Amino acid sequence: MNMIGQDSLKVETTLSVEGKEYTYFALNAAAEKLGDISRLPRTLKILLENVLRFEDGAAYTVDDAKAIVEWVNAAHSDKDVPFRPARILMQDFTGVPAVVDLAAMRDGIVKLGGNADKVNPLVPVDLVIDHSVMVDVSGRKDALERNVDLEFERNGERYEFLRWGQEAFDNFRVVPPGTGICHQVNLEYLAQAVWTAEAAGKTIAYPDTLFGTDSH
């Protein structure tokens, strides 16, 4: 997956921190060419950075960036704009079927004579197992340990499958039960203000964005 596009507006900028160079896509430089963005909501500024970073003249275009900037004219826009999040957060209700689909896709690729290793999530996915914990034991010092043990006994086959998925697929991690609910785990352990990735010989810095899934 390409982390950066063609940068038609020439807003790619370099920042040096403790002797290391980071590349990012500067919104102030984009404003000089697209118009004032000072009144854009922060969420739209994040969408704008996303379009600028992936801009390729096809799926992500300068017109998409212009549409985001022009939102301030009426606080409304009818134009769809592309968006690729930095990561995906899943829990077991939706995550297990997704891994089953990926496994089925790999089987299909093999039957067609292809390489199964090419089937992977395009962006990093964290699957938090948090929906099937039951309280069988309480009022004891070892209550948490006993409940987690029972959880693994009841769902051993499912967890073995998810462990296989974590080892088989790139960009896929599983957070085991007993760690916390997915939103808590996300805020306390997974979320970052800024992510970095290596692309085209550069270290790209970009804001944390997330598609989150839950049972509701």
Protein backbone atom coordinates (compact mmCIF):
# COMPACT_ATOMS: atom_id res chain seq x y z
CA MET A 1 0.00 0.00 0.00
CA ASN A 2 1.34 3.41 -0.96
CA MET A 3 1.64 5.74 2.03
CA ILE A 4 2.04 8.90 -0.04
CA GLY A 5 0.84 10.13 -3.42
CA GLN A 6 2.17 12.51 -6.06
CA ASP A 7 1.83 15.76 -4.06
CA SER A 8 0.64 17.96 -6.93
CA LEU A 9 0.27 20.95 -4.60
CA LYS A 10 3.83 20.59 -3.28
CA VAL A 11 2.87 20.65 0.39
CA GLU A 12 5.21 17.88 1.50
CA THR A 13 7.35 19.27 4.31
CA THR A 14 10.21 17.99 6.45
CA LEU A 15 10.54 18.31 10.22
CA SER A 16 13.72 17.49 12.12
CA VAL A 17 13.33 16.08 15.64
CA GLU A 18 16.35 15.01 17.67
CA GLY A 19 18.39 14.44 14.55
CA LYS A 20 15.73 12.45 12.67
CA GLU A 21 13.86 13.73 9.62
CA TYR A 22 10.09 13.33 9.39
CA THR A 23 8.00 14.06 6.32
CA TYR A 24 4.48 15.42 6.71
CA PHE A 25 1.88 17.19 4.60
CA ALA A 26 1.52 20.76 5.81
CA LEU A 27 -1.96 22.26 5.99
CA ASN A 28 -0.61 25.83 6.13
CA ALA A 29 1.15 25.23 2.81
CA ALA A 30 -2.08 23.78 1.37
CA ALA A 31 -4.03 26.84 2.54
CA GLU A 32 -1.81 29.08 0.43
CA LYS A 33 -3.05 27.24 -2.67
CA LEU A 34 -6.54 26.11 -1.70
CA GLY A 35 -7.79 28.98 0.44
CA ASP A 36 -8.27 29.81 4.11
CA ILE A 37 -8.77 26.74 6.30
CA SER A 38 -8.68 28.45 9.70
CA ARG A 39 -12.44 27.97 10.16
CA LEU A 40 -12.48 24.33 9.13
CA PRO A 41 -13.44 21.94 11.95
CA ARG A 42 -10.51 19.84 13.10
CA THR A 43 -12.16 16.70 11.76
CA LEU A 44 -12.19 18.19 8.25
CA LYS A 45 -8.59 19.30 8.61
CA ILE A 46 -7.72 15.67 9.32
CA LEU A 47 -9.66 14.62 6.20
CA LEU A 48 -7.81 17.28 4.22
CA GLU A 49 -4.43 15.98 5.37
CA ASN A 50 -5.53 12.48 4.39
CA VAL A 51 -6.40 13.58 0.86
CA LEU A 52 -3.17 15.58 0.51
CA ARG A 53 -1.06 12.64 1.66
CA PHE A 54 -2.64 10.07 -0.65
CA GLU A 55 -3.37 12.41 -3.60
CA ASP A 56 -2.74 10.44 -6.77
CA GLY A 57 -4.92 12.15 -9.36
CA ALA A 58 -7.34 9.21 -9.41
CA ALA A 59 -8.80 7.95 -6.13
CA TYR A 60 -7.54 11.04 -4.27
CA THR A 61 -7.55 14.30 -6.19
CA VAL A 62 -6.87 18.00 -5.74
CA ASP A 63 -10.59 18.55 -6.39
CA ASP A 64 -11.33 16.42 -3.33
CA ALA A 65 -9.08 18.69 -1.28
CA LYS A 66 -10.81 21.76 -2.70
CA ALA A 67 -14.22 20.35 -1.78
CA ILE A 68 -13.14 19.98 1.85
CA VAL A 69 -11.85 23.56 1.99
CA GLU A 70 -15.01 24.89 0.36
CA TRP A 71 -17.15 23.31 3.07
CA VAL A 72 -16.84 26.53 5.10
CA ASN A 73 -18.82 28.48 2.50
CA ALA A 74 -22.11 26.87 3.54
CA ALA A 75 -21.07 24.51 6.36
CA HIS A 76 -22.27 21.78 4.03
CA SER A 77 -21.08 19.74 1.07
CA ASP A 78 -22.71 17.18 -1.20
CA LYS A 79 -19.39 15.81 -2.48
CA ASP A 80 -18.04 12.53 -1.21
CA VAL A 81 -14.34 12.57 -0.40
CA PRO A 82 -12.03 9.58 -0.04
CA PHE A 83 -10.64 8.62 3.34
CA ARG A 84 -8.20 5.92 4.41
CA PRO A 85 -7.86 5.59 8.20
CA ALA A 86 -4.57 4.94 9.93
CA ARG A 87 -6.02 1.84 11.57
CA ILE A 88 -9.13 -0.25 12.28
CA LEU A 89 -10.46 -1.23 15.71
CA MET A 90 -12.61 -4.35 15.92
CA GLN A 91 -14.14 -6.47 18.65
CA ASP A 92 -14.92 -10.16 18.51
CA PHE A 93 -18.53 -9.93 17.24
CA THR A 94 -17.40 -8.32 13.98
CA GLY A 95 -13.74 -9.29 14.05
CA VAL A 96 -14.11 -13.06 13.98
CA PRO A 97 -16.30 -13.04 10.81
CA ALA A 98 -13.81 -10.66 9.18
CA VAL A 99 -10.94 -13.08 9.85
CA VAL A 100 -13.08 -15.93 8.49
CA ASP A 101 -13.61 -13.91 5.30
CA LEU A 102 -9.88 -13.27 4.97
CA ALA A 103 -9.14 -16.96 5.48
CA ALA A 104 -11.73 -17.85 2.82
CA MET A 105 -10.15 -15.35 0.43
CA ARG A 106 -6.79 -17.03 0.97
CA ASP A 107 -8.30 -20.42 0.18
CA GLY A 108 -9.78 -18.96 -2.99
CA ILE A 109 -6.46 -17.47 -4.06
CA VAL A 110 -4.73 -20.84 -3.55
CA LYS A 111 -7.38 -22.61 -5.65
CA LEU A 112 -6.72 -20.10 -8.43
CA GLY A 113 -3.00 -20.79 -8.23
CA GLY A 114 -2.10 -17.54 -6.50
CA ASN A 115 -0.07 -16.63 -3.43
CA ALA A 116 -2.17 -16.68 -0.25
CA ASP A 117 0.32 -14.43 1.54
CA LYS A 118 -0.86 -11.52 -0.60
CA VAL A 119 -4.24 -11.45 1.17
CA ASN A 120 -3.84 -9.12 4.15
CA PRO A 121 -5.59 -6.09 5.64
CA LEU A 122 -4.49 -2.91 3.85
CA VAL A 123 -4.29 -0.93 7.09
CA PRO A 124 -3.39 -2.13 10.61
CA VAL A 125 -6.23 -3.88 12.45
CA ASP A 126 -6.50 -4.42 16.20
CA LEU A 127 -9.11 -6.94 17.33
CA VAL A 128 -10.02 -6.65 21.02
CA ILE A 129 -11.75 -9.69 22.53
CA ASP A 130 -14.12 -8.13 25.04
CA HIS A 131 -17.68 -9.36 24.49
CA SER A 132 -17.92 -12.84 25.97
CA VAL A 133 -16.51 -12.48 29.50
CA MET A 134 -18.93 -13.81 32.12
CA VAL A 135 -18.71 -13.38 35.88
CA ASP A 136 -18.80 -16.91 37.28
CA VAL A 137 -16.63 -16.14 40.30
CA SER A 138 -16.81 -13.06 42.50
CA GLY A 139 -15.86 -11.91 45.99
CA ARG A 140 -12.51 -13.70 45.86
CA LYS A 141 -8.97 -12.46 45.31
CA ASP A 142 -8.55 -14.85 42.40
CA ALA A 143 -11.90 -13.95 40.79
CA LEU A 144 -10.40 -12.29 37.72
CA GLU A 145 -7.96 -15.14 37.13
CA ARG A 146 -10.71 -17.76 37.48
CA ASN A 147 -13.12 -15.93 35.17
CA VAL A 148 -10.44 -15.53 32.49
CA ASP A 149 -9.53 -19.23 32.78
CA LEU A 150 -13.18 -20.18 32.28
CA GLU A 151 -13.36 -17.78 29.33
CA PHE A 152 -10.51 -19.60 27.59
CA GLU A 153 -12.06 -22.99 28.35
CA ARG A 154 -15.37 -21.99 26.77
CA ASN A 155 -13.90 -20.29 23.72
CA GLY A 156 -10.68 -22.19 23.13
CA GLU A 157 -11.37 -23.07 19.49
CA ARG A 158 -12.29 -19.48 18.61
CA TYR A 159 -9.17 -18.09 20.30
CA GLU A 160 -6.94 -20.63 18.58
CA PHE A 161 -8.37 -19.47 15.27
CA LEU A 162 -7.72 -15.80 16.12
CA ARG A 163 -4.19 -16.63 17.22
CA TRP A 164 -3.66 -18.32 13.86
CA GLY A 165 -4.96 -15.17 12.18
CA GLN A 166 -2.55 -12.96 14.08
CA GLU A 167 0.37 -15.12 12.98
CA ALA A 168 -0.87 -15.63 9.43
CA PHE A 169 -1.84 -12.08 8.44
CA ASP A 170 0.20 -8.91 8.23
CA ASN A 171 -1.30 -5.76 9.80
CA PHE A 172 -3.41 -7.78 12.25
CA ARG A 173 -3.12 -7.98 16.05
CA VAL A 174 -5.36 -9.60 18.68
CA VAL A 175 -5.79 -8.24 22.20
CA PRO A 176 -6.75 -11.17 24.49
CA PRO A 177 -9.71 -11.23 26.88
CA GLY A 178 -9.32 -9.83 30.36
CA THR A 179 -7.52 -6.72 29.12
CA GLY A 180 -10.56 -4.41 28.99
CA ILE A 181 -13.37 -3.31 26.69
CA CYS A 182 -12.31 -2.27 23.20
CA HIS A 183 -12.81 1.48 23.74
CA GLN A 184 -10.78 1.43 26.96
CA VAL A 185 -8.00 -0.62 25.37
CA ASN A 186 -7.98 1.74 22.41
CA LEU A 187 -7.57 4.86 24.54
CA GLU A 188 -5.11 3.41 27.05
CA TYR A 189 -2.90 1.24 24.86
CA LEU A 190 -3.49 1.53 21.12
CA ALA A 191 -4.16 5.18 20.27
CA GLN A 192 -1.36 7.59 19.37
CA ALA A 193 -1.58 11.26 18.48
CA VAL A 194 0.81 10.75 15.55
CA TRP A 195 1.83 7.62 13.67
CA THR A 196 4.86 7.11 11.48
CA ALA A 197 5.54 4.77 8.58
CA GLU A 198 8.41 4.20 6.19
CA ALA A 199 7.67 4.93 2.53
CA ALA A 200 9.78 5.93 -0.47
CA GLY A 201 12.85 6.11 1.74
CA LYS A 202 11.16 8.61 4.07
CA THR A 203 9.62 8.51 7.53
CA ILE A 204 6.07 9.76 7.09
CA ALA A 205 4.29 11.32 10.08
CA TYR A 206 0.50 11.48 10.03
CA PRO A 207 -2.38 11.90 12.52
CA ASP A 208 -4.12 9.00 14.19
CA THR A 209 -7.44 8.20 12.52
CA LEU A 210 -9.65 5.25 13.23
CA PHE A 211 -12.60 3.28 11.95
CA GLY A 212 -14.07 1.67 15.06
CA THR A 213 -16.57 -1.18 15.03
CA ASP A 214 -18.67 -2.38 17.94
CA SER A 215 -21.77 -4.49 18.53
CA HIS A 216 -23.91 -1.35 18.39
